[in-house]
Full PDB file with SEQRES, HELIX, SHEET, SSBOND, CRYST1, ORIGX, SCALE, CONECT and MASTER records, all heavy atoms in Angstrom:
SEQRES   1 A   38  SER ASP ALA ARG ALA ILE GLN ALA LEU ARG SER LEU GLY          
SEQRES   2 A   38  ASN MET THR PHE ARG GLY LYS ARG ASN PHE LEU HIS LYS          
SEQRES   3 A   38  LEU LEU GLN ASP GLU HIS ILE GLY ALA GLU LEU ILE              
HELIX    1 AA1 ALA A    3  ARG A   10  1                                   8    
HELIX    2 AA2 LEU A   12  ASN A   14  5                                   3    
HELIX    3 AA3 PHE A   23  LEU A   28  1                                   6    
HELIX    4 AA4 GLY A   34  LEU A   37  1                                   4    
CRYST1    1.000    1.000    1.000  90.00  90.00  90.00 P 1           1          
ORIGX1      1.000000  0.000000  0.000000        0.00000                         
ORIGX2      0.000000  1.000000  0.000000        0.00000                         
ORIGX3      0.000000  0.000000  1.000000        0.00000                         
SCALE1      1.000000  0.000000  0.000000        0.00000                         
SCALE2      0.000000  1.000000  0.000000        0.00000                         
SCALE3      0.000000  0.000000  1.000000        0.00000                         
ATOM      1  N   SER A   1      67.857 108.853  72.161  1.00  0.00           N  
ATOM      2  CA  SER A   1      67.623 107.494  71.732  1.00  0.00           C  
ATOM      3  C   SER A   1      68.729 107.010  70.708  1.00  0.00           C  
ATOM      4  O   SER A   1      68.458 106.108  69.987  1.00  0.00           O  
ATOM      5  CB  SER A   1      66.268 107.305  71.160  1.00  0.00           C  
ATOM      6  OG  SER A   1      66.097 108.173  70.025  1.00  0.00           O  
ATOM      7  N   ASP A   2      69.870 107.688  70.746  1.00  0.00           N  
ATOM      8  CA  ASP A   2      70.947 107.349  69.834  1.00  0.00           C  
ATOM      9  C   ASP A   2      71.321 105.877  70.009  1.00  0.00           C  
ATOM     10  O   ASP A   2      71.790 105.402  71.030  1.00  0.00           O  
ATOM     11  CB  ASP A   2      72.169 108.215  70.119  1.00  0.00           C  
ATOM     12  CG  ASP A   2      73.238 108.054  69.001  1.00  0.00           C  
ATOM     13  OD1 ASP A   2      73.808 106.941  68.871  1.00  0.00           O  
ATOM     14  OD2 ASP A   2      73.474 109.063  68.281  1.00  0.00           O  
ATOM     15  N   ALA A   3      71.052 105.008  68.937  1.00  0.00           N  
ATOM     16  CA  ALA A   3      71.269 103.581  69.053  1.00  0.00           C  
ATOM     17  C   ALA A   3      72.726 103.242  69.240  1.00  0.00           C  
ATOM     18  O   ALA A   3      73.039 102.280  69.932  1.00  0.00           O  
ATOM     19  CB  ALA A   3      70.699 102.895  67.823  1.00  0.00           C  
ATOM     20  N   ARG A   4      73.640 103.965  68.650  1.00  0.00           N  
ATOM     21  CA  ARG A   4      75.054 103.697  68.793  1.00  0.00           C  
ATOM     22  C   ARG A   4      75.533 103.866  70.205  1.00  0.00           C  
ATOM     23  O   ARG A   4      76.250 102.993  70.799  1.00  0.00           O  
ATOM     24  CB  ARG A   4      75.884 104.644  67.911  1.00  0.00           C  
ATOM     25  CG  ARG A   4      75.582 104.466  66.429  1.00  0.00           C  
ATOM     26  CD  ARG A   4      76.069 105.666  65.645  1.00  0.00           C  
ATOM     27  NE  ARG A   4      75.463 106.911  66.010  1.00  0.00           N  
ATOM     28  CZ  ARG A   4      75.710 108.070  65.469  1.00  0.00           C  
ATOM     29  NH1 ARG A   4      76.573 108.215  64.517  1.00  0.00           N  
ATOM     30  NH2 ARG A   4      75.049 109.142  65.932  1.00  0.00           N  
ATOM     31  N   ALA A   5      75.034 104.898  70.885  1.00  0.00           N  
ATOM     32  CA  ALA A   5      75.395 105.176  72.279  1.00  0.00           C  
ATOM     33  C   ALA A   5      74.820 104.117  73.222  1.00  0.00           C  
ATOM     34  O   ALA A   5      75.465 103.584  74.073  1.00  0.00           O  
ATOM     35  CB  ALA A   5      74.875 106.563  72.654  1.00  0.00           C  
ATOM     36  N   ILE A   6      73.528 103.791  72.967  1.00  0.00           N  
ATOM     37  CA  ILE A   6      72.863 102.837  73.898  1.00  0.00           C  
ATOM     38  C   ILE A   6      73.502 101.409  73.763  1.00  0.00           C  
ATOM     39  O   ILE A   6      73.732 100.751  74.747  1.00  0.00           O  
ATOM     40  CB  ILE A   6      71.375 102.775  73.604  1.00  0.00           C  
ATOM     41  CG1 ILE A   6      70.716 104.137  73.932  1.00  0.00           C  
ATOM     42  CG2 ILE A   6      70.710 101.594  74.364  1.00  0.00           C  
ATOM     43  CD1 ILE A   6      69.300 104.271  73.539  1.00  0.00           C  
ATOM     44  N   GLN A   7      73.824 101.019  72.523  1.00  0.00           N  
ATOM     45  CA  GLN A   7      74.466  99.718  72.295  1.00  0.00           C  
ATOM     46  C   GLN A   7      75.856  99.690  72.965  1.00  0.00           C  
ATOM     47  O   GLN A   7      76.203  98.690  73.614  1.00  0.00           O  
ATOM     48  CB  GLN A   7      74.547  99.487  70.804  1.00  0.00           C  
ATOM     49  CG  GLN A   7      75.196  98.160  70.454  1.00  0.00           C  
ATOM     50  CD  GLN A   7      74.385  96.941  70.968  1.00  0.00           C  
ATOM     51  OE1 GLN A   7      73.167  96.986  71.016  1.00  0.00           O  
ATOM     52  NE2 GLN A   7      75.086  95.898  71.474  1.00  0.00           N  
ATOM     53  N   ALA A   8      76.575 100.734  72.824  1.00  0.00           N  
ATOM     54  CA  ALA A   8      77.916 100.826  73.460  1.00  0.00           C  
ATOM     55  C   ALA A   8      77.851 100.714  74.998  1.00  0.00           C  
ATOM     56  O   ALA A   8      78.632  99.980  75.605  1.00  0.00           O  
ATOM     57  CB  ALA A   8      78.623 102.059  73.035  1.00  0.00           C  
ATOM     58  N   LEU A   9      76.818 101.392  75.554  1.00  0.00           N  
ATOM     59  CA  LEU A   9      76.684 101.369  76.966  1.00  0.00           C  
ATOM     60  C   LEU A   9      76.288  99.970  77.506  1.00  0.00           C  
ATOM     61  O   LEU A   9      76.696  99.592  78.632  1.00  0.00           O  
ATOM     62  CB  LEU A   9      75.671 102.409  77.433  1.00  0.00           C  
ATOM     63  CG  LEU A   9      76.074 103.865  77.210  1.00  0.00           C  
ATOM     64  CD1 LEU A   9      74.993 104.784  77.611  1.00  0.00           C  
ATOM     65  CD2 LEU A   9      77.365 104.204  77.993  1.00  0.00           C  
ATOM     66  N   ARG A  10      75.578  99.270  76.703  1.00  0.00           N  
ATOM     67  CA  ARG A  10      75.123  97.948  77.131  1.00  0.00           C  
ATOM     68  C   ARG A  10      76.290  96.888  77.125  1.00  0.00           C  
ATOM     69  O   ARG A  10      76.162  95.791  77.589  1.00  0.00           O  
ATOM     70  CB  ARG A  10      74.005  97.483  76.278  1.00  0.00           C  
ATOM     71  CG  ARG A  10      72.684  98.177  76.594  1.00  0.00           C  
ATOM     72  CD  ARG A  10      71.509  97.752  75.725  1.00  0.00           C  
ATOM     73  NE  ARG A  10      70.274  98.425  76.057  1.00  0.00           N  
ATOM     74  CZ  ARG A  10      69.211  98.537  75.301  1.00  0.00           C  
ATOM     75  NH1 ARG A  10      69.249  98.067  74.098  1.00  0.00           N  
ATOM     76  NH2 ARG A  10      68.168  99.091  75.786  1.00  0.00           N  
ATOM     77  N   SER A  11      77.365  97.326  76.465  1.00  0.00           N  
ATOM     78  CA  SER A  11      78.527  96.389  76.365  1.00  0.00           C  
ATOM     79  C   SER A  11      79.589  96.729  77.367  1.00  0.00           C  
ATOM     80  O   SER A  11      80.639  96.187  77.377  1.00  0.00           O  
ATOM     81  CB  SER A  11      79.130  96.499  74.954  1.00  0.00           C  
ATOM     82  OG  SER A  11      79.714  97.766  74.694  1.00  0.00           O  
ATOM     83  N   LEU A  12      79.276  97.685  78.376  1.00  0.00           N  
ATOM     84  CA  LEU A  12      80.236  98.062  79.367  1.00  0.00           C  
ATOM     85  C   LEU A  12      80.705  96.902  80.218  1.00  0.00           C  
ATOM     86  O   LEU A  12      81.786  96.943  80.769  1.00  0.00           O  
ATOM     87  CB  LEU A  12      79.718  99.148  80.221  1.00  0.00           C  
ATOM     88  CG  LEU A  12      79.636 100.603  79.680  1.00  0.00           C  
ATOM     89  CD1 LEU A  12      78.913 101.532  80.604  1.00  0.00           C  
ATOM     90  CD2 LEU A  12      81.016 101.102  79.352  1.00  0.00           C  
ATOM     91  N   GLY A  13      79.872  95.914  80.409  1.00  0.00           N  
ATOM     92  CA  GLY A  13      80.148  94.744  81.204  1.00  0.00           C  
ATOM     93  C   GLY A  13      81.404  94.027  80.776  1.00  0.00           C  
ATOM     94  O   GLY A  13      82.030  93.308  81.580  1.00  0.00           O  
ATOM     95  N   ASN A  14      81.775  94.170  79.549  1.00  0.00           N  
ATOM     96  CA  ASN A  14      82.905  93.460  78.989  1.00  0.00           C  
ATOM     97  C   ASN A  14      84.153  94.306  78.954  1.00  0.00           C  
ATOM     98  O   ASN A  14      85.196  93.947  78.425  1.00  0.00           O  
ATOM     99  CB  ASN A  14      82.665  92.980  77.546  1.00  0.00           C  
ATOM    100  CG  ASN A  14      81.435  92.074  77.456  1.00  0.00           C  
ATOM    101  OD1 ASN A  14      81.225  91.254  78.306  1.00  0.00           O  
ATOM    102  ND2 ASN A  14      80.621  92.308  76.431  1.00  0.00           N  
ATOM    103  N   MET A  15      84.056  95.553  79.625  1.00  0.00           N  
ATOM    104  CA  MET A  15      85.189  96.517  79.503  1.00  0.00           C  
ATOM    105  C   MET A  15      85.767  96.715  80.871  1.00  0.00           C  
ATOM    106  O   MET A  15      85.298  96.236  81.940  1.00  0.00           O  
ATOM    107  CB  MET A  15      84.662  97.838  78.970  1.00  0.00           C  
ATOM    108  CG  MET A  15      84.096  97.744  77.597  1.00  0.00           C  
ATOM    109  SD  MET A  15      83.573  99.358  76.972  1.00  0.00           S  
ATOM    110  CE  MET A  15      82.566  98.857  75.553  1.00  0.00           C  
ATOM    111  N   THR A  16      86.930  97.360  80.903  1.00  0.00           N  
ATOM    112  CA  THR A  16      87.674  97.609  82.088  1.00  0.00           C  
ATOM    113  C   THR A  16      87.665  99.091  82.475  1.00  0.00           C  
ATOM    114  O   THR A  16      87.837  99.947  81.658  1.00  0.00           O  
ATOM    115  CB  THR A  16      89.148  97.200  81.922  1.00  0.00           C  
ATOM    116  OG1 THR A  16      89.227  95.817  81.512  1.00  0.00           O  
ATOM    117  CG2 THR A  16      89.955  97.388  83.194  1.00  0.00           C  
ATOM    118  N   PHE A  17      87.403  99.291  83.782  1.00  0.00           N  
ATOM    119  CA  PHE A  17      87.401 100.726  84.326  1.00  0.00           C  
ATOM    120  C   PHE A  17      88.845 101.051  84.816  1.00  0.00           C  
ATOM    121  O   PHE A  17      89.474 100.242  85.482  1.00  0.00           O  
ATOM    122  CB  PHE A  17      86.425 100.903  85.476  1.00  0.00           C  
ATOM    123  CG  PHE A  17      85.014 101.122  85.035  1.00  0.00           C  
ATOM    124  CD1 PHE A  17      84.182 100.082  84.649  1.00  0.00           C  
ATOM    125  CD2 PHE A  17      84.542 102.381  84.948  1.00  0.00           C  
ATOM    126  CE1 PHE A  17      82.889 100.270  84.221  1.00  0.00           C  
ATOM    127  CE2 PHE A  17      83.181 102.644  84.555  1.00  0.00           C  
ATOM    128  CZ  PHE A  17      82.384 101.610  84.133  1.00  0.00           C  
ATOM    129  N   ARG A  18      89.262 102.227  84.520  1.00  0.00           N  
ATOM    130  CA  ARG A  18      90.527 102.715  85.088  1.00  0.00           C  
ATOM    131  C   ARG A  18      90.245 103.224  86.532  1.00  0.00           C  
ATOM    132  O   ARG A  18      89.157 103.486  86.932  1.00  0.00           O  
ATOM    133  CB  ARG A  18      91.037 103.899  84.265  1.00  0.00           C  
ATOM    134  CG  ARG A  18      91.488 103.525  82.884  1.00  0.00           C  
ATOM    135  CD  ARG A  18      91.652 104.728  82.038  1.00  0.00           C  
ATOM    136  NE  ARG A  18      92.755 105.631  82.621  1.00  0.00           N  
ATOM    137  CZ  ARG A  18      93.005 106.850  82.142  1.00  0.00           C  
ATOM    138  NH1 ARG A  18      92.295 107.345  81.118  1.00  0.00           N  
ATOM    139  NH2 ARG A  18      93.974 107.566  82.701  1.00  0.00           N  
ATOM    140  N   GLY A  19      91.321 103.260  87.267  1.00  0.00           N  
ATOM    141  CA  GLY A  19      91.223 103.784  88.659  1.00  0.00           C  
ATOM    142  C   GLY A  19      90.816 102.730  89.649  1.00  0.00           C  
ATOM    143  O   GLY A  19      90.647 101.559  89.323  1.00  0.00           O  
ATOM    144  N   LYS A  20      90.735 103.087  90.903  1.00  0.00           N  
ATOM    145  CA  LYS A  20      90.357 102.255  91.987  1.00  0.00           C  
ATOM    146  C   LYS A  20      88.891 101.819  91.777  1.00  0.00           C  
ATOM    147  O   LYS A  20      87.992 102.541  91.584  1.00  0.00           O  
ATOM    148  CB  LYS A  20      90.471 102.980  93.305  1.00  0.00           C  
ATOM    149  CG  LYS A  20      90.151 102.129  94.529  1.00  0.00           C  
ATOM    150  CD  LYS A  20      90.358 102.925  95.798  1.00  0.00           C  
ATOM    151  CE  LYS A  20      89.920 102.123  97.047  1.00  0.00           C  
ATOM    152  NZ  LYS A  20      90.078 102.920  98.266  1.00  0.00           N  
ATOM    153  N   ARG A  21      88.677 100.471  91.870  1.00  0.00           N  
ATOM    154  CA  ARG A  21      87.345  99.937  91.714  1.00  0.00           C  
ATOM    155  C   ARG A  21      86.373 100.423  92.778  1.00  0.00           C  
ATOM    156  O   ARG A  21      86.719 100.474  93.985  1.00  0.00           O  
ATOM    157  CB  ARG A  21      87.470  98.426  91.795  1.00  0.00           C  
ATOM    158  CG  ARG A  21      86.152  97.663  91.526  1.00  0.00           C  
ATOM    159  CD  ARG A  21      85.827  97.597  90.116  1.00  0.00           C  
ATOM    160  NE  ARG A  21      84.669  96.773  89.828  1.00  0.00           N  
ATOM    161  CZ  ARG A  21      84.051  96.672  88.596  1.00  0.00           C  
ATOM    162  NH1 ARG A  21      84.586  97.342  87.612  1.00  0.00           N  
ATOM    163  NH2 ARG A  21      82.976  95.944  88.489  1.00  0.00           N  
ATOM    164  N   ASN A  22      85.238 100.841  92.404  1.00  0.00           N  
ATOM    165  CA  ASN A  22      84.185 101.293  93.383  1.00  0.00           C  
ATOM    166  C   ASN A  22      82.814 100.791  92.968  1.00  0.00           C  
ATOM    167  O   ASN A  22      82.614 100.283  91.828  1.00  0.00           O  
ATOM    168  CB  ASN A  22      84.192 102.838  93.524  1.00  0.00           C  
ATOM    169  CG  ASN A  22      83.933 103.565  92.277  1.00  0.00           C  
ATOM    170  OD1 ASN A  22      82.879 103.382  91.656  1.00  0.00           O  
ATOM    171  ND2 ASN A  22      84.888 104.349  91.824  1.00  0.00           N  
ATOM    172  N   PHE A  23      81.907 100.928  93.883  1.00  0.00           N  
ATOM    173  CA  PHE A  23      80.589 100.326  93.630  1.00  0.00           C  
ATOM    174  C   PHE A  23      79.822 100.904  92.429  1.00  0.00           C  
ATOM    175  O   PHE A  23      79.081 100.247  91.727  1.00  0.00           O  
ATOM    176  CB  PHE A  23      79.675 100.469  94.839  1.00  0.00           C  
ATOM    177  CG  PHE A  23      78.958 101.777  95.009  1.00  0.00           C  
ATOM    178  CD1 PHE A  23      77.616 101.852  94.724  1.00  0.00           C  
ATOM    179  CD2 PHE A  23      79.642 102.965  95.357  1.00  0.00           C  
ATOM    180  CE1 PHE A  23      76.959 103.115  94.841  1.00  0.00           C  
ATOM    181  CE2 PHE A  23      78.972 104.163  95.440  1.00  0.00           C  
ATOM    182  CZ  PHE A  23      77.617 104.226  95.179  1.00  0.00           C  
ATOM    183  N   LEU A  24      80.183 102.198  92.066  1.00  0.00           N  
ATOM    184  CA  LEU A  24      79.480 102.786  90.906  1.00  0.00           C  
ATOM    185  C   LEU A  24      79.923 102.089  89.631  1.00  0.00           C  
ATOM    186  O   LEU A  24      79.113 101.971  88.663  1.00  0.00           O  
ATOM    187  CB  LEU A  24      79.784 104.286  90.851  1.00  0.00           C  
ATOM    188  CG  LEU A  24      78.985 105.092  89.898  1.00  0.00           C  
ATOM    189  CD1 LEU A  24      77.482 104.942  90.142  1.00  0.00           C  
ATOM    190  CD2 LEU A  24      79.388 106.532  89.916  1.00  0.00           C  
ATOM    191  N   HIS A  25      81.168 101.666  89.536  1.00  0.00           N  
ATOM    192  CA  HIS A  25      81.642 100.904  88.324  1.00  0.00           C  
ATOM    193  C   HIS A  25      80.713  99.704  88.118  1.00  0.00           C  
ATOM    194  O   HIS A  25      80.326  99.449  87.007  1.00  0.00           O  
ATOM    195  CB  HIS A  25      83.048 100.469  88.492  1.00  0.00           C  
ATOM    196  CG  HIS A  25      84.089 101.633  88.587  1.00  0.00           C  
ATOM    197  ND1 HIS A  25      85.403 101.417  88.890  1.00  0.00           N  
ATOM    198  CD2 HIS A  25      83.914 102.927  88.428  1.00  0.00           C  
ATOM    199  CE1 HIS A  25      86.030 102.564  88.914  1.00  0.00           C  
ATOM    200  NE2 HIS A  25      85.139 103.508  88.626  1.00  0.00           N  
ATOM    201  N   LYS A  26      80.433  99.019  89.204  1.00  0.00           N  
ATOM    202  CA  LYS A  26      79.693  97.789  89.105  1.00  0.00           C  
ATOM    203  C   LYS A  26      78.224  98.116  88.598  1.00  0.00           C  
ATOM    204  O   LYS A  26      77.711  97.425  87.721  1.00  0.00           O  
ATOM    205  CB  LYS A  26      79.574  97.077  90.434  1.00  0.00           C  
ATOM    206  CG  LYS A  26      78.804  95.777  90.402  1.00  0.00           C  
ATOM    207  CD  LYS A  26      78.809  95.109  91.755  1.00  0.00           C  
ATOM    208  CE  LYS A  26      78.043  93.784  91.741  1.00  0.00           C  
ATOM    209  NZ  LYS A  26      78.090  93.143  93.034  1.00  0.00           N  
ATOM    210  N   LEU A  27      77.664  99.233  89.096  1.00  0.00           N  
ATOM    211  CA  LEU A  27      76.288  99.626  88.713  1.00  0.00           C  
ATOM    212  C   LEU A  27      76.297 100.003  87.218  1.00  0.00           C  
ATOM    213  O   LEU A  27      75.414  99.653  86.505  1.00  0.00           O  
ATOM    214  CB  LEU A  27      75.837 100.816  89.519  1.00  0.00           C  
ATOM    215  CG  LEU A  27      75.634 100.571  91.058  1.00  0.00           C  
ATOM    216  CD1 LEU A  27      75.152 101.854  91.706  1.00  0.00           C  
ATOM    217  CD2 LEU A  27      74.608  99.431  91.275  1.00  0.00           C  
ATOM    218  N   LEU A  28      77.344 100.737  86.774  1.00  0.00           N  
ATOM    219  CA  LEU A  28      77.386 101.154  85.403  1.00  0.00           C  
ATOM    220  C   LEU A  28      77.578  99.976  84.412  1.00  0.00           C  
ATOM    221  O   LEU A  28      77.160 100.052  83.275  1.00  0.00           O  
ATOM    222  CB  LEU A  28      78.516 102.185  85.187  1.00  0.00           C  
ATOM    223  CG  LEU A  28      78.366 103.509  85.936  1.00  0.00           C  
ATOM    224  CD1 LEU A  28      79.640 104.410  85.769  1.00  0.00           C  
ATOM    225  CD2 LEU A  28      77.120 104.257  85.491  1.00  0.00           C  
ATOM    226  N   GLN A  29      78.112  98.894  84.889  1.00  0.00           N  
ATOM    227  CA  GLN A  29      78.320  97.712  84.033  1.00  0.00           C  
ATOM    228  C   GLN A  29      77.126  96.767  84.059  1.00  0.00           C  
ATOM    229  O   GLN A  29      77.104  95.788  83.282  1.00  0.00           O  
ATOM    230  CB  GLN A  29      79.589  96.975  84.447  1.00  0.00           C  
ATOM    231  CG  GLN A  29      80.860  97.735  84.113  1.00  0.00           C  
ATOM    232  CD  GLN A  29      82.136  96.950  84.510  1.00  0.00           C  
ATOM    233  OE1 GLN A  29      82.333  96.609  85.659  1.00  0.00           O  
ATOM    234  NE2 GLN A  29      82.918  96.726  83.463  1.00  0.00           N  
ATOM    235  N   ASP A  30      76.137  97.066  84.921  1.00  0.00           N  
ATOM    236  CA  ASP A  30      74.971  96.223  85.011  1.00  0.00           C  
ATOM    237  C   ASP A  30      74.133  96.371  83.774  1.00  0.00           C  
ATOM    238  O   ASP A  30      73.751  97.528  83.331  1.00  0.00           O  
ATOM    239  CB  ASP A  30      74.155  96.687  86.221  1.00  0.00           C  
ATOM    240  CG  ASP A  30      72.925  95.683  86.454  1.00  0.00           C  
ATOM    241  OD1 ASP A  30      72.032  95.714  85.627  1.00  0.00           O  
ATOM    242  OD2 ASP A  30      72.975  94.984  87.488  1.00  0.00           O  
ATOM    243  N   GLU A  31      73.819  95.263  83.013  1.00  0.00           N  
ATOM    244  CA  GLU A  31      73.147  95.422  81.731  1.00  0.00           C  
ATOM    245  C   GLU A  31      71.729  95.895  81.845  1.00  0.00           C  
ATOM    246  O   GLU A  31      71.150  96.384  80.887  1.00  0.00           O  
ATOM    247  CB  GLU A  31      73.146  94.051  81.055  1.00  0.00           C  
ATOM    248  CG  GLU A  31      72.383  92.900  81.823  1.00  0.00           C  
ATOM    249  CD  GLU A  31      72.353  91.630  81.096  1.00  0.00           C  
ATOM    250  OE1 GLU A  31      72.332  91.678  79.828  1.00  0.00           O  
ATOM    251  OE2 GLU A  31      72.295  90.577  81.706  1.00  0.00           O  
ATOM    252  N   HIS A  32      71.136  95.831  83.040  1.00  0.00           N  
ATOM    253  CA  HIS A  32      69.799  96.267  83.229  1.00  0.00           C  
ATOM    254  C   HIS A  32      69.673  97.739  83.571  1.00  0.00           C  
ATOM    255  O   HIS A  32      68.704  98.452  83.187  1.00  0.00           O  
ATOM    256  CB  HIS A  32      69.075  95.470  84.345  1.00  0.00           C  
ATOM    257  CG  HIS A  32      69.049  94.019  84.065  1.00  0.00           C  
ATOM    258  ND1 HIS A  32      68.203  93.450  83.055  1.00  0.00           N  
ATOM    259  CD2 HIS A  32      69.658  92.928  84.583  1.00  0.00           C  
ATOM    260  CE1 HIS A  32      68.398  92.156  82.960  1.00  0.00           C  
ATOM    261  NE2 HIS A  32      69.289  91.781  83.960  1.00  0.00           N  
ATOM    262  N   ILE A  33      70.628  98.257  84.351  1.00  0.00           N  
ATOM    263  CA  ILE A  33      70.455  99.616  84.882  1.00  0.00           C  
ATOM    264  C   ILE A  33      71.545 100.582  84.403  1.00  0.00           C  
ATOM    265  O   ILE A  33      71.420 101.756  84.530  1.00  0.00           O  
ATOM    266  CB  ILE A  33      70.425  99.700  86.422  1.00  0.00           C  
ATOM    267  CG1 ILE A  33      71.739  99.272  86.992  1.00  0.00           C  
ATOM    268  CG2 ILE A  33      69.307  98.815  86.951  1.00  0.00           C  
ATOM    269  CD1 ILE A  33      71.822  99.471  88.467  1.00  0.00           C  
ATOM    270  N   GLY A  34      72.664 100.017  83.898  1.00  0.00           N  
ATOM    271  CA  GLY A  34      73.795 100.903  83.561  1.00  0.00           C  
ATOM    272  C   GLY A  34      73.562 101.995  82.556  1.00  0.00           C  
ATOM    273  O   GLY A  34      73.765 103.162  82.786  1.00  0.00           O  
ATOM    274  N   ALA A  35      72.889 101.613  81.452  1.00  0.00           N  
ATOM    275  CA  ALA A  35      72.577 102.616  80.367  1.00  0.00           C  
ATOM    276  C   ALA A  35      71.592 103.642  80.926  1.00  0.00           C  
ATOM    277  O   ALA A  35      71.716 104.836  80.643  1.00  0.00           O  
ATOM    278  CB  ALA A  35      72.006 101.920  79.148  1.00  0.00           C  
ATOM    279  N   GLU A  36      70.565 103.220  81.698  1.00  0.00           N  
ATOM    280  CA  GLU A  36      69.617 104.139  82.212  1.00  0.00           C  
ATOM    281  C   GLU A  36      70.255 105.118  83.218  1.00  0.00           C  
ATOM    282  O   GLU A  36      69.930 106.286  83.258  1.00  0.00           O  
ATOM    283  CB  GLU A  36      68.485 103.379  82.943  1.00  0.00           C  
ATOM    284  CG  GLU A  36      67.406 104.217  83.628  1.00  0.00           C  
ATOM    285  CD  GLU A  36      66.558 105.072  82.695  1.00  0.00           C  
ATOM    286  OE1 GLU A  36      66.762 104.945  81.519  1.00  0.00           O  
ATOM    287  OE2 GLU A  36      65.833 105.910  83.220  1.00  0.00           O  
ATOM    288  N   LEU A  37      71.170 104.572  84.067  1.00  0.00           N  
ATOM    289  CA  LEU A  37      71.832 105.409  85.062  1.00  0.00           C  
ATOM    290  C   LEU A  37      72.660 106.500  84.375  1.00  0.00           C  
ATOM    291  O   LEU A  37      72.695 107.663  84.743  1.00  0.00           O  
ATOM    292  CB  LEU A  37      72.660 104.540  85.980  1.00  0.00           C  
ATOM    293  CG  LEU A  37      73.503 105.290  86.996  1.00  0.00           C  
ATOM    294  CD1 LEU A  37      72.599 106.164  87.884  1.00  0.00           C  
ATOM    295  CD2 LEU A  37      74.255 104.312  87.874  1.00  0.00           C  
ATOM    296  N   ILE A  38      73.346 106.167  83.313  1.00  0.00           N  
ATOM    297  CA  ILE A  38      74.182 107.118  82.566  1.00  0.00           C  
ATOM    298  C   ILE A  38      73.342 108.128  81.867  1.00  0.00           C  
ATOM    299  O   ILE A  38      73.653 109.313  81.853  1.00  0.00           O  
ATOM    300  CB  ILE A  38      75.150 106.325  81.596  1.00  0.00           C  
ATOM    301  CG1 ILE A  38      76.136 105.446  82.332  1.00  0.00           C  
ATOM    302  CG2 ILE A  38      75.842 107.318  80.625  1.00  0.00           C  
ATOM    303  CD1 ILE A  38      76.878 104.488  81.518  1.00  0.00           C  
TER     304      ILE A  38                                                      
MASTER        0    0    0    4    0    0    0    6  303    1    0    3          
END                                                                             
């Protein structure tokens, strides 16, 4: 339940992924499921 980690994961939608774009990148940036999936 580390608050710093959870807060950072919820901000992934504003960040850029390296490498070829794939569907998992989109899922990880979803504010509803990204943190839970990680």
